[in-house]
N, C-alpha and C. Protein backbone atom coordinates (compact mmCIF):
# COMPACT_ATOMS: atom_id res chain seq x y z
N MET A 1 68.97 83.64 -49.88
CA MET A 1 69.71 83.79 -48.60
C MET A 1 70.45 83.17 -48.11
N PRO A 2 71.38 83.63 -47.83
CA PRO A 2 72.83 83.14 -46.90
C PRO A 2 72.22 82.33 -45.88
N ASP A 3 72.68 81.41 -45.15
CA ASP A 3 73.03 80.63 -44.03
C ASP A 3 73.34 81.16 -42.58
N THR A 4 72.45 81.31 -41.82
CA THR A 4 73.39 82.21 -40.39
C THR A 4 72.61 80.82 -39.42
N PHE A 5 74.12 81.15 -38.88
CA PHE A 5 74.25 80.57 -37.55
C PHE A 5 74.31 81.11 -36.06
N ALA A 6 73.46 80.83 -35.41
CA ALA A 6 73.86 81.46 -34.06
C ALA A 6 73.69 80.74 -32.76
N ASN A 7 74.08 80.70 -31.58
CA ASN A 7 73.30 80.28 -30.23
C ASN A 7 73.07 81.27 -29.53
N ARG A 8 72.59 80.45 -28.23
CA ARG A 8 72.17 81.55 -27.17
C ARG A 8 72.10 81.19 -25.84
N ASP A 9 72.67 81.40 -25.16
CA ASP A 9 72.50 80.90 -24.01
C ASP A 9 72.17 81.81 -23.08
N ALA A 10 71.41 81.69 -21.85
CA ALA A 10 70.37 82.42 -20.69
C ALA A 10 70.69 81.64 -19.87
N ILE A 11 71.02 82.77 -18.84
CA ILE A 11 70.73 82.25 -17.09
C ILE A 11 69.65 83.06 -16.22
N SER A 12 68.76 82.71 -15.33
CA SER A 12 67.73 82.86 -15.37
C SER A 12 67.57 82.85 -13.74
N ALA A 13 67.53 83.89 -12.23
CA ALA A 13 66.90 83.38 -11.38
C ALA A 13 65.82 84.27 -10.60
N TYR A 14 64.58 83.52 -10.04
CA TYR A 14 63.60 84.51 -9.48
C TYR A 14 63.74 84.34 -8.25
N ALA A 15 62.60 85.31 -7.87
CA ALA A 15 63.12 85.79 -6.35
C ALA A 15 61.34 86.48 -6.01
N GLU A 16 60.58 86.14 -4.86
CA GLU A 16 59.19 86.03 -4.71
C GLU A 16 59.18 86.28 -3.01
N ILE A 17 58.04 87.23 -2.88
CA ILE A 17 58.69 87.72 -1.11
C ILE A 17 56.84 87.71 -1.12
N LEU A 18 55.64 87.20 -0.14
CA LEU A 18 54.99 87.11 0.07
C LEU A 18 54.83 87.67 1.55
N LEU A 19 54.19 88.54 1.72
CA LEU A 19 53.91 89.43 3.38
C LEU A 19 52.26 90.21 3.73
N PRO A 20 52.18 89.15 4.80
CA PRO A 20 50.84 88.96 5.27
C PRO A 20 50.47 90.41 5.61
N LEU A 21 49.63 91.70 5.37
CA LEU A 21 49.37 92.35 6.04
C LEU A 21 48.23 92.33 7.18
N VAL A 22 47.27 91.26 6.90
CA VAL A 22 46.38 90.88 7.44
C VAL A 22 46.03 89.45 7.84
N GLY A 23 46.04 89.11 8.92
CA GLY A 23 45.87 87.73 8.95
C GLY A 23 44.07 86.91 9.46
N ARG A 24 44.24 85.84 9.64
CA ARG A 24 42.51 85.49 10.33
C ARG A 24 42.53 86.01 11.47
N GLU A 25 43.53 86.37 13.03
CA GLU A 25 43.48 86.90 13.79
C GLU A 25 42.63 88.37 13.81
N PHE A 26 42.86 89.40 13.23
CA PHE A 26 42.44 90.47 12.78
C PHE A 26 41.00 89.97 12.46
N LYS A 27 40.36 90.91 13.18
CA LYS A 27 38.82 90.37 13.10
C LYS A 27 38.06 92.01 12.60
N LEU A 28 38.32 92.03 11.61
CA LEU A 28 36.91 93.01 10.89
C LEU A 28 36.17 92.98 9.65
N PRO A 29 34.94 93.13 9.53
CA PRO A 29 33.82 92.80 8.79
C PRO A 29 35.17 93.21 7.09
N LEU A 30 35.03 92.20 6.20
CA LEU A 30 35.34 92.06 5.29
C LEU A 30 36.73 91.93 4.83
N LEU A 31 37.47 91.77 5.82
CA LEU A 31 38.98 91.32 5.85
C LEU A 31 39.16 90.43 6.57
N GLN A 32 38.88 89.13 5.70
CA GLN A 32 39.90 88.25 6.60
C GLN A 32 41.16 88.17 5.77
N SER A 33 41.87 88.58 5.23
CA SER A 33 43.10 88.36 4.91
C SER A 33 43.38 89.69 3.97
N PHE A 34 44.45 90.13 3.72
CA PHE A 34 45.36 90.83 2.81
C PHE A 34 46.95 91.27 2.30
N GLU A 35 47.54 90.52 1.89
CA GLU A 35 48.26 90.35 1.59
C GLU A 35 49.24 91.19 0.71
N LEU A 36 50.71 91.42 0.25
CA LEU A 36 51.28 92.09 -0.67
C LEU A 36 52.58 91.44 -1.04
N SER A 37 52.70 91.30 -2.28
CA SER A 37 54.09 90.28 -3.00
C SER A 37 54.35 91.19 -3.81
N ALA A 38 55.67 90.91 -3.99
CA ALA A 38 57.14 91.21 -4.77
C ALA A 38 57.58 90.77 -4.90
N ALA A 39 57.76 90.22 -6.78
CA ALA A 39 58.81 89.68 -6.98
C ALA A 39 59.12 89.92 -8.32
N ALA A 40 60.78 89.38 -8.60
CA ALA A 40 61.59 89.67 -9.69
C ALA A 40 62.49 88.48 -10.55
N ARG A 41 62.35 88.79 -11.53
CA ARG A 41 63.00 87.97 -12.34
C ARG A 41 64.37 88.62 -13.13
N SER A 42 65.65 87.94 -13.39
CA SER A 42 66.85 88.45 -13.57
C SER A 42 67.57 87.78 -14.49
N GLU A 43 67.60 88.38 -15.88
CA GLU A 43 68.15 87.38 -16.82
C GLU A 43 68.92 87.73 -17.30
N HIS A 44 70.45 86.52 -18.01
CA HIS A 44 71.48 86.63 -18.92
C HIS A 44 71.63 86.39 -20.21
N TYR A 45 71.60 87.10 -21.53
CA TYR A 45 71.54 86.21 -22.36
C TYR A 45 72.95 86.48 -22.78
N SER A 46 73.48 86.08 -23.39
CA SER A 46 74.97 85.40 -24.21
C SER A 46 74.96 86.52 -25.10
N ASP A 47 74.24 86.57 -25.84
CA ASP A 47 74.54 87.92 -26.78
C ASP A 47 73.65 89.24 -26.83
N PHE A 48 72.96 89.46 -25.64
CA PHE A 48 72.26 90.17 -25.79
C PHE A 48 72.42 91.26 -24.24
N GLY A 49 72.54 90.58 -23.49
CA GLY A 49 72.60 90.88 -22.71
C GLY A 49 71.64 90.89 -20.78
N ASN A 50 71.60 91.61 -20.07
CA ASN A 50 71.13 91.31 -18.62
C ASN A 50 69.81 92.63 -18.55
N THR A 51 68.60 91.93 -18.35
CA THR A 51 67.84 92.29 -18.04
C THR A 51 66.71 91.95 -17.07
N VAL A 52 66.09 92.72 -15.82
CA VAL A 52 65.45 92.47 -14.83
C VAL A 52 63.80 92.88 -14.82
N SER A 53 63.46 92.08 -14.84
CA SER A 53 61.60 92.21 -14.67
C SER A 53 61.01 92.28 -13.20
N PRO A 54 60.33 92.88 -12.84
CA PRO A 54 59.71 93.08 -11.96
C PRO A 54 58.18 92.54 -11.43
N LYS A 55 57.45 92.23 -10.21
CA LYS A 55 56.21 92.12 -10.52
C LYS A 55 55.67 92.44 -9.14
N PHE A 56 54.13 93.17 -8.83
CA PHE A 56 53.31 93.69 -7.47
C PHE A 56 52.20 93.08 -7.71
N GLY A 57 51.90 92.56 -6.26
CA GLY A 57 51.06 92.18 -6.23
C GLY A 57 49.79 92.14 -4.63
N LEU A 58 48.41 92.33 -4.82
CA LEU A 58 47.61 92.55 -3.62
C LEU A 58 46.65 90.95 -3.88
N THR A 59 46.58 90.40 -2.63
CA THR A 59 45.64 89.52 -2.70
C THR A 59 44.79 89.58 -1.25
N TRP A 60 43.39 90.48 -1.40
CA TRP A 60 42.55 90.47 -0.58
C TRP A 60 41.55 89.02 -0.63
N LYS A 61 41.39 88.91 0.39
CA LYS A 61 39.92 88.31 0.87
C LYS A 61 39.10 88.30 1.88
N PRO A 62 38.20 88.41 1.87
CA PRO A 62 36.91 89.07 2.49
C PRO A 62 36.30 88.09 2.81
N ALA A 63 36.36 86.64 2.46
CA ALA A 63 35.97 85.51 2.83
C ALA A 63 36.23 84.06 2.96
N ASP A 64 36.08 83.38 3.39
CA ASP A 64 36.65 81.72 2.81
C ASP A 64 36.07 81.32 1.59
N TRP A 65 35.04 82.13 1.03
CA TRP A 65 34.84 81.61 -0.95
C TRP A 65 35.37 82.36 -1.90
N ILE A 66 35.81 83.63 -1.54
CA ILE A 66 36.34 84.33 -2.35
C ILE A 66 37.46 85.32 -2.49
N MET A 67 38.27 84.93 -3.28
CA MET A 67 39.95 85.84 -2.90
C MET A 67 39.96 86.27 -4.15
N VAL A 68 40.39 88.12 -3.72
CA VAL A 68 40.48 88.81 -5.37
C VAL A 68 41.48 89.18 -5.17
N ARG A 69 42.63 89.24 -6.36
CA ARG A 69 43.60 89.23 -6.71
C ARG A 69 44.04 90.33 -8.01
N ALA A 70 45.30 91.06 -7.60
CA ALA A 70 45.44 92.26 -8.43
C ALA A 70 47.07 92.15 -8.60
N SER A 71 47.64 92.36 -9.81
CA SER A 71 48.73 92.26 -9.89
C SER A 71 49.51 92.84 -10.81
N HIS A 72 50.51 93.76 -11.10
CA HIS A 72 51.29 94.02 -12.16
C HIS A 72 52.15 93.92 -12.58
N SER A 73 52.81 93.81 -13.74
CA SER A 73 54.32 93.09 -13.81
C SER A 73 54.61 94.06 -15.37
N GLN A 74 56.11 93.62 -15.70
CA GLN A 74 56.73 94.22 -16.12
C GLN A 74 56.90 92.79 -17.17
N GLY A 75 57.09 92.41 -18.81
CA GLY A 75 57.49 91.31 -19.11
C GLY A 75 58.63 92.17 -19.82
N PHE A 76 59.97 90.80 -20.72
CA PHE A 76 60.44 91.50 -21.34
C PHE A 76 60.51 89.96 -22.44
N ARG A 77 61.51 90.64 -23.52
CA ARG A 77 61.08 88.88 -24.29
C ARG A 77 62.01 89.30 -25.48
N PRO A 78 63.49 88.53 -25.52
CA PRO A 78 64.83 89.61 -26.13
C PRO A 78 64.88 89.36 -27.60
N PRO A 79 65.56 89.33 -28.54
CA PRO A 79 65.02 89.66 -30.12
C PRO A 79 65.47 88.34 -29.98
N SER A 80 64.40 87.76 -31.62
CA SER A 80 64.92 86.72 -31.88
C SER A 80 66.68 86.51 -32.55
N LEU A 81 66.91 85.27 -32.47
CA LEU A 81 68.51 85.28 -33.16
C LEU A 81 68.32 85.54 -34.72
N PRO A 82 67.47 85.22 -35.68
CA PRO A 82 67.47 85.46 -36.77
C PRO A 82 67.29 87.32 -36.92
N ALA A 83 66.77 88.25 -36.16
CA ALA A 83 66.91 89.44 -35.73
C ALA A 83 67.63 90.04 -35.80
N LEU A 84 68.78 89.27 -35.21
CA LEU A 84 69.90 89.58 -34.41
C LEU A 84 70.77 89.93 -35.01
N TYR A 85 70.93 88.41 -36.34
CA TYR A 85 72.11 88.44 -36.68
C TYR A 85 72.11 88.15 -38.33
N ARG A 86 70.93 88.12 -38.36
CA ARG A 86 70.43 88.13 -39.95
C ARG A 86 71.49 89.73 -40.81
N GLY A 87 71.96 89.46 -41.99
CA GLY A 87 72.32 89.72 -42.45
C GLY A 87 71.64 91.04 -43.80
N SER A 88 72.00 91.89 -44.01
CA SER A 88 70.99 92.32 -45.36
C SER A 88 71.65 91.93 -46.44
N PHE A 89 70.40 92.09 -47.14
CA PHE A 89 71.33 91.76 -48.63
C PHE A 89 70.12 92.01 -49.94
N ILE A 90 70.60 92.65 -50.83
CA ILE A 90 70.22 92.88 -51.83
C ILE A 90 68.96 92.00 -53.15
N ALA A 91 68.57 92.05 -53.20
CA ALA A 91 67.94 90.58 -54.50
C ALA A 91 67.99 91.54 -55.71
N THR A 92 68.64 90.51 -56.36
CA THR A 92 68.41 90.81 -57.90
C THR A 92 67.83 89.57 -58.72
N ALA A 93 67.57 90.79 -59.55
CA ALA A 93 66.81 89.53 -61.09
C ALA A 93 67.18 89.36 -61.69
């Protein structure tokens, strides 16, 4: 099998925002705080291109001693260098 030489440069940026919808001043039973979050990760790969991965989340705190979190995100994994640059070959006996 022939040797393959390859390299990859990656540049990433990440941003997140946290929006408190309900704070401690808001007095309701089982609702001490409630927050919404949104984030995005942008990546550029020199050999593959660009991708953006979003994330959304909620945080609910009904009391001082408990917090419930939920989130949804989308991930991305670029193809490996051998998968991109490996040539096809025919094995002969």
